[in-house]
Amino acid sequence: RDASQLVGKDTYETGDLVRDELGRNEREMSVASIGPAGENLVRFACIFVDKGHTASHDGTGAVMGSKKLKAIAVARGKARPTLKDKDRVSALANQTHEDTLNNPQRLRTYTWGTLMGIVTSATAGTGTLPVKNYTTCIYDIEPEKLEKFGGPYIRGNFKPKPAPCWACRMHHCHMITITEGPYTGLVMEEPEYEQFASWGPVIGQTDVTAAMMLSYEVDCLGVDTNEAGWVIGFVMECYEKGILSREDCDGLEMTWGNAEATK
């Protein structure tokens, strides 16, 4: 059907508008959509499902945009597939779930996803954290600020609500609400390691709520968070080295860690 009323809408808005039009709620229907990035054929545009769940990398959003396809709505069905050996499938599913809960590494993923990645990478001393467009691996951040990038602080302070991918047994995905700082009230999907890396160390930025805000903005636009972070990190490095000036950046001061200029 015609989607002209959705042109220019972000991925969060698009899903809500499609469900409203079809009279379904989030439990009854999922929406795979593109944002303005996909419409404009940005090469690292993504397809977003509902709020924050993404088919990322390789420009999948640009493919939809090239076909003038804004969104695909998928209603929840009631029919179940016919299984040749239902009892065996159930036993395997239950065993896999039990194995996950009894394996420390799997349990970490079950609980946190990759949310703990910034803290563990910054403190492990292995040099694996990408900082300032990969020019260093030393993240110059105060301990109290680093702690805020960790799962216990985020889950304890930002009103998490479970929001798993459809039918997924892993319970690490959440919607959160920013409760402190200038972005208080913003409701968004909880970032994981790659979002926090892109909008924290990669651009030399140390405030967790600013990283959350930038992750949200990128999700709404419908672009890959890694690619977007690398672009901004590259711009900031060029700005630092005098290759780009403020005039080149439309008056924006693209210094390391400048979240508002990045936005």
C-alpha atoms as a PDB file:
ATOM      1  CA  ARG A   1       0.000   0.000   0.000  1.00  0.00           C
ATOM      2  CA  ASP A   2       1.005   3.641  -0.347  1.00  0.00           C
ATOM      3  CA  ALA A   3       3.492   4.810   2.298  1.00  0.00           C
ATOM      4  CA  SER A   4       3.933   8.438   1.275  1.00  0.00           C
ATOM      5  CA  GLN A   5       2.770   9.553   4.737  1.00  0.00           C
ATOM      6  CA  LEU A   6       5.777   7.755   6.216  1.00  0.00           C
ATOM      7  CA  VAL A   7       8.448   9.423   4.087  1.00  0.00           C
ATOM      8  CA  GLY A   8      11.022  11.084   6.322  1.00  0.00           C
ATOM      9  CA  LYS A   9       9.774   9.368   9.478  1.00  0.00           C
ATOM     10  CA  ASP A  10      12.331   7.719  11.709  1.00  0.00           C
ATOM     11  CA  THR A  11      12.324   4.012  12.537  1.00  0.00           C
ATOM     12  CA  TYR A  12      10.649   4.444  15.933  1.00  0.00           C
ATOM     13  CA  GLU A  13       7.889   6.627  14.463  1.00  0.00           C
ATOM     14  CA  THR A  14       7.372   4.366  11.454  1.00  0.00           C
ATOM     15  CA  GLY A  15       6.697   1.246  13.488  1.00  0.00           C
ATOM     16  CA  ASP A  16       4.220   3.038  15.742  1.00  0.00           C
ATOM     17  CA  LEU A  17       2.406   4.689  12.820  1.00  0.00           C
ATOM     18  CA  VAL A  18       2.081   1.438  10.875  1.00  0.00           C
ATOM     19  CA  ARG A  19       0.699  -0.411  13.897  1.00  0.00           C
ATOM     20  CA  ASP A  20      -1.726   2.438  14.614  1.00  0.00           C
ATOM     21  CA  GLU A  21      -2.951   2.364  11.015  1.00  0.00           C
ATOM     22  CA  LEU A  22      -3.516  -1.393  11.161  1.00  0.00           C
ATOM     23  CA  GLY A  23      -4.987  -1.403  14.653  1.00  0.00           C
ATOM     24  CA  ARG A  24      -2.311  -3.596  16.255  1.00  0.00           C
ATOM     25  CA  ASN A  25      -0.059  -3.180  19.271  1.00  0.00           C
ATOM     26  CA  GLU A  26       3.593  -4.185  19.675  1.00  0.00           C
ATOM     27  CA  ARG A  27       2.696  -7.653  20.949  1.00  0.00           C
ATOM     28  CA  GLU A  28       0.474  -8.274  17.938  1.00  0.00           C
ATOM     29  CA  MET A  29       2.670  -6.946  15.147  1.00  0.00           C
ATOM     30  CA  SER A  30       6.320  -6.317  14.315  1.00  0.00           C
ATOM     31  CA  VAL A  31       7.403  -3.769  11.723  1.00  0.00           C
ATOM     32  CA  ALA A  32      10.640  -3.917   9.732  1.00  0.00           C
ATOM     33  CA  SER A  33      11.373  -0.439   8.431  1.00  0.00           C
ATOM     34  CA  ILE A  34      13.978   2.023   7.244  1.00  0.00           C
ATOM     35  CA  GLY A  35      14.597   5.555   8.419  1.00  0.00           C
ATOM     36  CA  PRO A  36      15.703   8.644   6.486  1.00  0.00           C
ATOM     37  CA  ALA A  37      19.115   7.033   5.909  1.00  0.00           C
ATOM     38  CA  GLY A  38      17.622   4.154   3.941  1.00  0.00           C
ATOM     39  CA  GLU A  39      15.385   6.503   1.975  1.00  0.00           C
ATOM     40  CA  ASN A  40      18.476   8.485   0.971  1.00  0.00           C
ATOM     41  CA  LEU A  41      20.428   5.327   0.083  1.00  0.00           C
ATOM     42  CA  VAL A  42      23.136   5.802   2.697  1.00  0.00           C
ATOM     43  CA  ARG A  43      25.472   2.888   2.098  1.00  0.00           C
ATOM     44  CA  PHE A  44      25.438   1.774   5.712  1.00  0.00           C
ATOM     45  CA  ALA A  45      21.694   2.166   6.267  1.00  0.00           C
ATOM     46  CA  CYS A  46      20.008  -0.687   8.147  1.00  0.00           C
ATOM     47  CA  ILE A  47      16.639  -2.370   8.442  1.00  0.00           C
ATOM     48  CA  PHE A  48      15.178  -1.878  11.914  1.00  0.00           C
ATOM     49  CA  VAL A  49      12.596  -4.166  13.472  1.00  0.00           C
ATOM     50  CA  ASP A  50      10.439  -2.438  16.056  1.00  0.00           C
ATOM     51  CA  LYS A  51      12.614  -0.292  18.331  1.00  0.00           C
ATOM     52  CA  GLY A  52      16.332  -0.924  18.052  1.00  0.00           C
ATOM     53  CA  HIS A  53      16.479  -4.504  16.747  1.00  0.00           C
ATOM     54  CA  THR A  54      18.454  -4.239  13.548  1.00  0.00           C
ATOM     55  CA  ALA A  55      19.525  -6.144  10.467  1.00  0.00           C
ATOM     56  CA  SER A  56      22.798  -4.281  10.238  1.00  0.00           C
ATOM     57  CA  HIS A  57      25.883  -4.095   8.006  1.00  0.00           C
ATOM     58  CA  ASP A  58      26.152  -4.172   4.206  1.00  0.00           C
ATOM     59  CA  GLY A  59      23.539  -1.496   3.502  1.00  0.00           C
ATOM     60  CA  THR A  60      20.358  -3.552   3.790  1.00  0.00           C
ATOM     61  CA  GLY A  61      18.397  -0.370   4.491  1.00  0.00           C
ATOM     62  CA  ALA A  62      19.665   1.184   1.269  1.00  0.00           C
ATOM     63  CA  VAL A  63      18.398  -1.869  -0.626  1.00  0.00           C
ATOM     64  CA  MET A  64      14.900  -1.286   0.748  1.00  0.00           C
ATOM     65  CA  GLY A  65      15.229   2.405  -0.027  1.00  0.00           C
ATOM     66  CA  SER A  66      16.240   1.710  -3.617  1.00  0.00           C
ATOM     67  CA  LYS A  67      13.035  -0.301  -4.000  1.00  0.00           C
ATOM     68  CA  LYS A  68      10.952   2.520  -2.474  1.00  0.00           C
ATOM     69  CA  LEU A  69       9.969   0.109   0.286  1.00  0.00           C
ATOM     70  CA  LYS A  70       9.534   1.894   3.602  1.00  0.00           C
ATOM     71  CA  ALA A  71       8.253  -0.878   5.848  1.00  0.00           C
ATOM     72  CA  ILE A  72       7.026  -4.461   6.108  1.00  0.00           C
ATOM     73  CA  ALA A  73       4.419  -5.276   8.760  1.00  0.00           C
ATOM     74  CA  VAL A  74       4.258  -8.813  10.142  1.00  0.00           C
ATOM     75  CA  ALA A  75       1.237  -9.721  12.258  1.00  0.00           C
ATOM     76  CA  ARG A  76       1.500 -12.361  14.933  1.00  0.00           C
ATOM     77  CA  GLY A  77      -0.077 -15.604  13.771  1.00  0.00           C
ATOM     78  CA  LYS A  78      -1.906 -18.224  15.780  1.00  0.00           C
ATOM     79  CA  ALA A  79      -0.994 -21.304  13.759  1.00  0.00           C
ATOM     80  CA  ARG A  80       1.939 -23.431  14.879  1.00  0.00           C
ATOM     81  CA  PRO A  81       4.238 -25.427  12.605  1.00  0.00           C
ATOM     82  CA  THR A  82       3.736 -29.157  12.496  1.00  0.00           C
ATOM     83  CA  LEU A  83       6.598 -30.953  14.209  1.00  0.00           C
ATOM     84  CA  LYS A  84       7.531 -34.533  13.405  1.00  0.00           C
ATOM     85  CA  ASP A  85       8.706 -35.143  16.964  1.00  0.00           C
ATOM     86  CA  LYS A  86       7.279 -32.447  19.222  1.00  0.00           C
ATOM     87  CA  ASP A  87       8.498 -34.068  22.430  1.00  0.00           C
ATOM     88  CA  ARG A  88      12.068 -34.264  21.117  1.00  0.00           C
ATOM     89  CA  VAL A  89      12.055 -30.619  20.027  1.00  0.00           C
ATOM     90  CA  SER A  90      10.726 -29.539  23.423  1.00  0.00           C
ATOM     91  CA  ALA A  91      13.348 -31.616  25.215  1.00  0.00           C
ATOM     92  CA  LEU A  92      16.161 -30.101  23.136  1.00  0.00           C
ATOM     93  CA  ALA A  93      14.859 -26.569  23.723  1.00  0.00           C
ATOM     94  CA  ASN A  94      14.618 -27.127  27.459  1.00  0.00           C
ATOM     95  CA  GLN A  95      18.077 -28.705  27.588  1.00  0.00           C
ATOM     96  CA  THR A  96      19.592 -25.777  25.687  1.00  0.00           C
ATOM     97  CA  HIS A  97      17.932 -23.346  28.076  1.00  0.00           C
ATOM     98  CA  GLU A  98      19.190 -25.296  31.091  1.00  0.00           C
ATOM     99  CA  ASP A  99      22.711 -25.434  29.641  1.00  0.00           C
ATOM    100  CA  THR A 100      22.632 -21.662  29.216  1.00  0.00           C
ATOM    101  CA  LEU A 101      21.651 -21.046  32.820  1.00  0.00           C
ATOM    102  CA  ASN A 102      24.333 -23.428  34.098  1.00  0.00           C
ATOM    103  CA  ASN A 103      27.193 -22.078  31.964  1.00  0.00           C
ATOM    104  CA  PRO A 104      28.788 -18.885  33.383  1.00  0.00           C
ATOM    105  CA  GLN A 105      29.699 -17.439  29.980  1.00  0.00           C
ATOM    106  CA  ARG A 106      26.307 -18.176  28.467  1.00  0.00           C
ATOM    107  CA  LEU A 107      24.576 -16.859  31.571  1.00  0.00           C
ATOM    108  CA  ARG A 108      26.465 -13.573  31.231  1.00  0.00           C
ATOM    109  CA  THR A 109      25.197 -13.241  27.673  1.00  0.00           C
ATOM    110  CA  TYR A 110      21.703 -14.296  28.761  1.00  0.00           C
ATOM    111  CA  THR A 111      21.682 -11.577  31.413  1.00  0.00           C
ATOM    112  CA  TRP A 112      23.780  -8.748  30.019  1.00  0.00           C
ATOM    113  CA  GLY A 113      24.274  -9.405  26.309  1.00  0.00           C
ATOM    114  CA  THR A 114      27.411  -7.407  25.495  1.00  0.00           C
ATOM    115  CA  LEU A 115      26.499  -4.595  27.887  1.00  0.00           C
ATOM    116  CA  MET A 116      29.542  -5.201  30.085  1.00  0.00           C
ATOM    117  CA  GLY A 117      31.991  -4.889  27.180  1.00  0.00           C
ATOM    118  CA  ILE A 118      33.177  -1.322  27.766  1.00  0.00           C
ATOM    119  CA  VAL A 119      34.030  -1.867  31.426  1.00  0.00           C
ATOM    120  CA  THR A 120      35.717  -5.240  30.901  1.00  0.00           C
ATOM    121  CA  SER A 121      37.689  -4.049  27.852  1.00  0.00           C
ATOM    122  CA  ALA A 122      38.810  -0.854  29.590  1.00  0.00           C
ATOM    123  CA  THR A 123      39.995  -2.649  32.723  1.00  0.00           C
ATOM    124  CA  ALA A 124      41.412  -5.894  31.282  1.00  0.00           C
ATOM    125  CA  GLY A 125      44.664  -4.331  30.090  1.00  0.00           C
ATOM    126  CA  THR A 126      44.493  -6.179  26.761  1.00  0.00           C
ATOM    127  CA  GLY A 127      44.391  -3.114  24.521  1.00  0.00           C
ATOM    128  CA  THR A 128      41.159  -4.160  22.817  1.00  0.00           C
ATOM    129  CA  LEU A 129      39.123  -0.978  23.320  1.00  0.00           C
ATOM    130  CA  PRO A 130      38.995   1.314  20.239  1.00  0.00           C
ATOM    131  CA  VAL A 131      39.642   4.895  21.382  1.00  0.00           C
ATOM    132  CA  LYS A 132      39.689   8.118  19.353  1.00  0.00           C
ATOM    133  CA  ASN A 133      39.253   6.515  15.948  1.00  0.00           C
ATOM    134  CA  TYR A 134      41.575   3.650  16.863  1.00  0.00           C
ATOM    135  CA  THR A 135      44.547   5.974  17.428  1.00  0.00           C
ATOM    136  CA  THR A 136      44.953   4.571  20.949  1.00  0.00           C
ATOM    137  CA  CYS A 137      43.545   1.907  23.254  1.00  0.00           C
ATOM    138  CA  ILE A 138      43.819   4.018  26.407  1.00  0.00           C
ATOM    139  CA  TYR A 139      40.393   5.324  27.452  1.00  0.00           C
ATOM    140  CA  ASP A 140      40.962   8.485  29.500  1.00  0.00           C
ATOM    141  CA  ILE A 141      37.904   8.223  31.727  1.00  0.00           C
ATOM    142  CA  GLU A 142      37.390   8.642  35.462  1.00  0.00           C
ATOM    143  CA  PRO A 143      36.549   5.397  37.332  1.00  0.00           C
ATOM    144  CA  GLU A 144      33.176   6.706  38.457  1.00  0.00           C
ATOM    145  CA  LYS A 145      32.228   7.525  34.859  1.00  0.00           C
ATOM    146  CA  LEU A 146      33.461   4.164  33.603  1.00  0.00           C
ATOM    147  CA  GLU A 147      31.302   2.409  36.205  1.00  0.00           C
ATOM    148  CA  LYS A 148      28.223   4.023  34.654  1.00  0.00           C
ATOM    149  CA  PHE A 149      28.890   2.146  31.399  1.00  0.00           C
ATOM    150  CA  GLY A 150      28.450  -1.142  33.286  1.00  0.00           C
ATOM    151  CA  GLY A 151      25.345  -3.286  33.444  1.00  0.00           C
ATOM    152  CA  PRO A 152      24.679  -2.988  37.197  1.00  0.00           C
ATOM    153  CA  TYR A 153      24.572   0.816  37.045  1.00  0.00           C
ATOM    154  CA  ILE A 154      22.483   0.945  33.871  1.00  0.00           C
ATOM    155  CA  ARG A 155      19.984  -1.670  35.023  1.00  0.00           C
ATOM    156  CA  GLY A 156      19.827  -0.080  38.464  1.00  0.00           C
ATOM    157  CA  ASN A 157      19.225   3.499  37.341  1.00  0.00           C
ATOM    158  CA  PHE A 158      17.539   3.670  33.941  1.00  0.00           C
ATOM    159  CA  LYS A 159      14.202   1.890  34.522  1.00  0.00           C
ATOM    160  CA  PRO A 160      14.822  -1.195  32.348  1.00  0.00           C
ATOM    161  CA  LYS A 161      11.892  -3.072  30.820  1.00  0.00           C
ATOM    162  CA  PRO A 162      12.528  -6.411  29.046  1.00  0.00           C
ATOM    163  CA  ALA A 163      12.186  -6.168  25.261  1.00  0.00           C
ATOM    164  CA  PRO A 164      13.640  -9.368  23.764  1.00  0.00           C
ATOM    165  CA  CYS A 165      13.738 -10.195  20.097  1.00  0.00           C
ATOM    166  CA  TRP A 166      10.672 -12.183  19.099  1.00  0.00           C
ATOM    167  CA  ALA A 167      10.660 -15.726  20.535  1.00  0.00           C
ATOM    168  CA  CYS A 168      14.242 -15.369  21.808  1.00  0.00           C
ATOM    169  CA  ARG A 169      15.185 -17.205  25.006  1.00  0.00           C
ATOM    170  CA  MET A 170      17.951 -14.723  25.808  1.00  0.00           C
ATOM    171  CA  HIS A 171      16.717 -11.954  28.080  1.00  0.00           C
ATOM    172  CA  HIS A 172      19.338  -9.244  27.704  1.00  0.00           C
ATOM    173  CA  CYS A 173      17.444  -6.736  25.510  1.00  0.00           C
ATOM    174  CA  HIS A 174      15.665  -3.945  27.379  1.00  0.00           C
ATOM    175  CA  MET A 175      14.005  -0.601  26.830  1.00  0.00           C
ATOM    176  CA  ILE A 176      15.343   2.044  29.200  1.00  0.00           C
ATOM    177  CA  THR A 177      14.548   5.605  30.222  1.00  0.00           C
ATOM    178  CA  ILE A 178      17.348   8.112  30.799  1.00  0.00           C
ATOM    179  CA  THR A 179      16.867   9.464  34.312  1.00  0.00           C
ATOM    180  CA  GLU A 180      19.763  11.901  34.716  1.00  0.00           C
ATOM    181  CA  GLY A 181      21.467  14.705  32.836  1.00  0.00           C
ATOM    182  CA  PRO A 182      20.263  16.786  29.871  1.00  0.00           C
ATOM    183  CA  TYR A 183      18.622  13.834  28.087  1.00  0.00           C
ATOM    184  CA  THR A 184      16.356  12.877  30.991  1.00  0.00           C
ATOM    185  CA  GLY A 185      13.095  11.319  29.828  1.00  0.00           C
ATOM    186  CA  LEU A 186      14.427   9.817  26.596  1.00  0.00           C
ATOM    187  CA  VAL A 187      13.024   6.293  26.126  1.00  0.00           C
ATOM    188  CA  MET A 188      15.128   4.004  23.967  1.00  0.00           C
ATOM    189  CA  GLU A 189      16.565   0.548  23.513  1.00  0.00           C
ATOM    190  CA  GLU A 190      19.376  -0.204  25.928  1.00  0.00           C
ATOM    191  CA  PRO A 191      22.681   0.083  24.008  1.00  0.00           C
ATOM    192  CA  GLU A 192      25.121  -2.804  23.983  1.00  0.00           C
ATOM    193  CA  TYR A 193      28.883  -2.889  23.475  1.00  0.00           C
ATOM    194  CA  GLU A 194      29.044  -1.691  19.868  1.00  0.00           C
ATOM    195  CA  GLN A 195      26.734   1.270  20.480  1.00  0.00           C
ATOM    196  CA  PHE A 196      28.602   2.298  23.607  1.00  0.00           C
ATOM    197  CA  ALA A 197      31.969   1.819  21.886  1.00  0.00           C
ATOM    198  CA  SER A 198      30.929   3.928  18.893  1.00  0.00           C
ATOM    199  CA  TRP A 199      29.548   6.806  20.961  1.00  0.00           C
ATOM    200  CA  GLY A 200      31.985   6.550  23.852  1.00  0.00           C
ATOM    201  CA  PRO A 201      35.654   5.683  23.293  1.00  0.00           C
ATOM    202  CA  VAL A 202      35.696   5.765  19.469  1.00  0.00           C
ATOM    203  CA  ILE A 203      34.801   9.469  19.538  1.00  0.00           C
ATOM    204  CA  GLY A 204      36.603  10.220  22.823  1.00  0.00           C
ATOM    205  CA  GLN A 205      33.348  10.715  24.733  1.00  0.00           C
ATOM    206  CA  THR A 206      32.974   9.704  28.404  1.00  0.00           C
ATOM    207  CA  ASP A 207      29.374  10.463  29.427  1.00  0.00           C
ATOM    208  CA  VAL A 208      27.109   7.409  29.391  1.00  0.00           C
ATOM    209  CA  THR A 209      23.879   9.355  28.850  1.00  0.00           C
ATOM    210  CA  ALA A 210      25.372  11.201  25.873  1.00  0.00           C
ATOM    211  CA  ALA A 211      26.391   7.843  24.407  1.00  0.00           C
ATOM    212  CA  MET A 212      22.837   6.610  24.949  1.00  0.00           C
ATOM    213  CA  MET A 213      21.384   9.676  23.254  1.00  0.00           C
ATOM    214  CA  LEU A 214      23.633   9.270  20.211  1.00  0.00           C
ATOM    215  CA  SER A 215      22.791   5.568  19.989  1.00  0.00           C
ATOM    216  CA  TYR A 216      19.103   6.501  19.959  1.00  0.00           C
ATOM    217  CA  GLU A 217      19.583   9.156  17.272  1.00  0.00           C
ATOM    218  CA  VAL A 218      21.439   6.711  15.031  1.00  0.00           C
ATOM    219  CA  ASP A 219      18.761   4.048  15.516  1.00  0.00           C
ATOM    220  CA  CYS A 220      16.052   6.538  14.590  1.00  0.00           C
ATOM    221  CA  LEU A 221      17.908   7.595  11.441  1.00  0.00           C
ATOM    222  CA  GLY A 222      18.376   3.935  10.551  1.00  0.00           C
ATOM    223  CA  VAL A 223      22.134   3.673  10.131  1.00  0.00           C
ATOM    224  CA  ASP A 224      24.711   1.152  11.302  1.00  0.00           C
ATOM    225  CA  THR A 225      26.123   2.325  14.621  1.00  0.00           C
ATOM    226  CA  ASN A 226      29.636   1.020  13.898  1.00  0.00           C
ATOM    227  CA  GLU A 227      29.938   2.729  10.536  1.00  0.00           C
ATOM    228  CA  ALA A 228      28.453   5.954  11.866  1.00  0.00           C
ATOM    229  CA  GLY A 229      30.850   5.977  14.816  1.00  0.00           C
ATOM    230  CA  TRP A 230      33.824   5.384  12.547  1.00  0.00           C
ATOM    231  CA  VAL A 231      32.771   8.264  10.280  1.00  0.00           C
ATOM    232  CA  ILE A 232      32.446  10.650  13.222  1.00  0.00           C
ATOM    233  CA  GLY A 233      35.710   9.412  14.738  1.00  0.00           C
ATOM    234  CA  PHE A 234      37.470  10.008  11.413  1.00  0.00           C
ATOM    235  CA  VAL A 235      36.016  13.521  11.191  1.00  0.00           C
ATOM    236  CA  MET A 236      37.148  14.308  14.741  1.00  0.00           C
ATOM    237  CA  GLU A 237      40.660  13.061  14.048  1.00  0.00           C
ATOM    238  CA  CYS A 238      40.811  15.191  10.900  1.00  0.00           C
ATOM    239  CA  TYR A 239      39.529  18.169  12.896  1.00  0.00           C
ATOM    240  CA  GLU A 240      42.190  17.658  15.568  1.00  0.00           C
ATOM    241  CA  LYS A 241      44.941  17.498  12.928  1.00  0.00           C
ATOM    242  CA  GLY A 242      43.737  20.604  11.094  1.00  0.00           C
ATOM    243  CA  ILE A 243      42.665  18.744   7.968  1.00  0.00           C
ATOM    244  CA  LEU A 244      39.075  19.869   8.548  1.00  0.00           C
ATOM    245  CA  SER A 245      38.127  23.290   9.913  1.00  0.00           C
ATOM    246  CA  ARG A 246      35.016  24.529  11.675  1.00  0.00           C
ATOM    247  CA  GLU A 247      33.885  26.049   8.390  1.00  0.00           C
ATOM    248  CA  ASP A 248      34.324  22.689   6.668  1.00  0.00           C
ATOM    249  CA  CYS A 249      31.990  21.203   9.296  1.00  0.00           C
ATOM    250  CA  ASP A 250      29.175  23.745   8.800  1.00  0.00           C
ATOM    251  CA  GLY A 251      30.183  25.664  11.918  1.00  0.00           C
ATOM    252  CA  LEU A 252      30.310  22.605  14.171  1.00  0.00           C
ATOM    253  CA  GLU A 253      33.226  22.229  16.549  1.00  0.00           C
ATOM    254  CA  MET A 254      34.085  18.571  15.942  1.00  0.00           C
ATOM    255  CA  THR A 255      36.423  18.142  18.882  1.00  0.00           C
ATOM    256  CA  TRP A 256      36.842  14.785  20.608  1.00  0.00           C
ATOM    257  CA  GLY A 257      33.854  13.962  22.786  1.00  0.00           C
ATOM    258  CA  ASN A 258      31.558  16.723  21.528  1.00  0.00           C
ATOM    259  CA  ALA A 259      28.248  14.861  21.666  1.00  0.00           C
ATOM    260  CA  GLU A 260      26.030  17.799  20.720  1.00  0.00           C
ATOM    261  CA  ALA A 261      28.094  18.556  17.620  1.00  0.00           C
ATOM    262  CA  THR A 262      27.906  14.870  16.727  1.00  0.00           C
ATOM    263  CA  LYS A 263      24.121  14.940  17.069  1.00  0.00           C
END
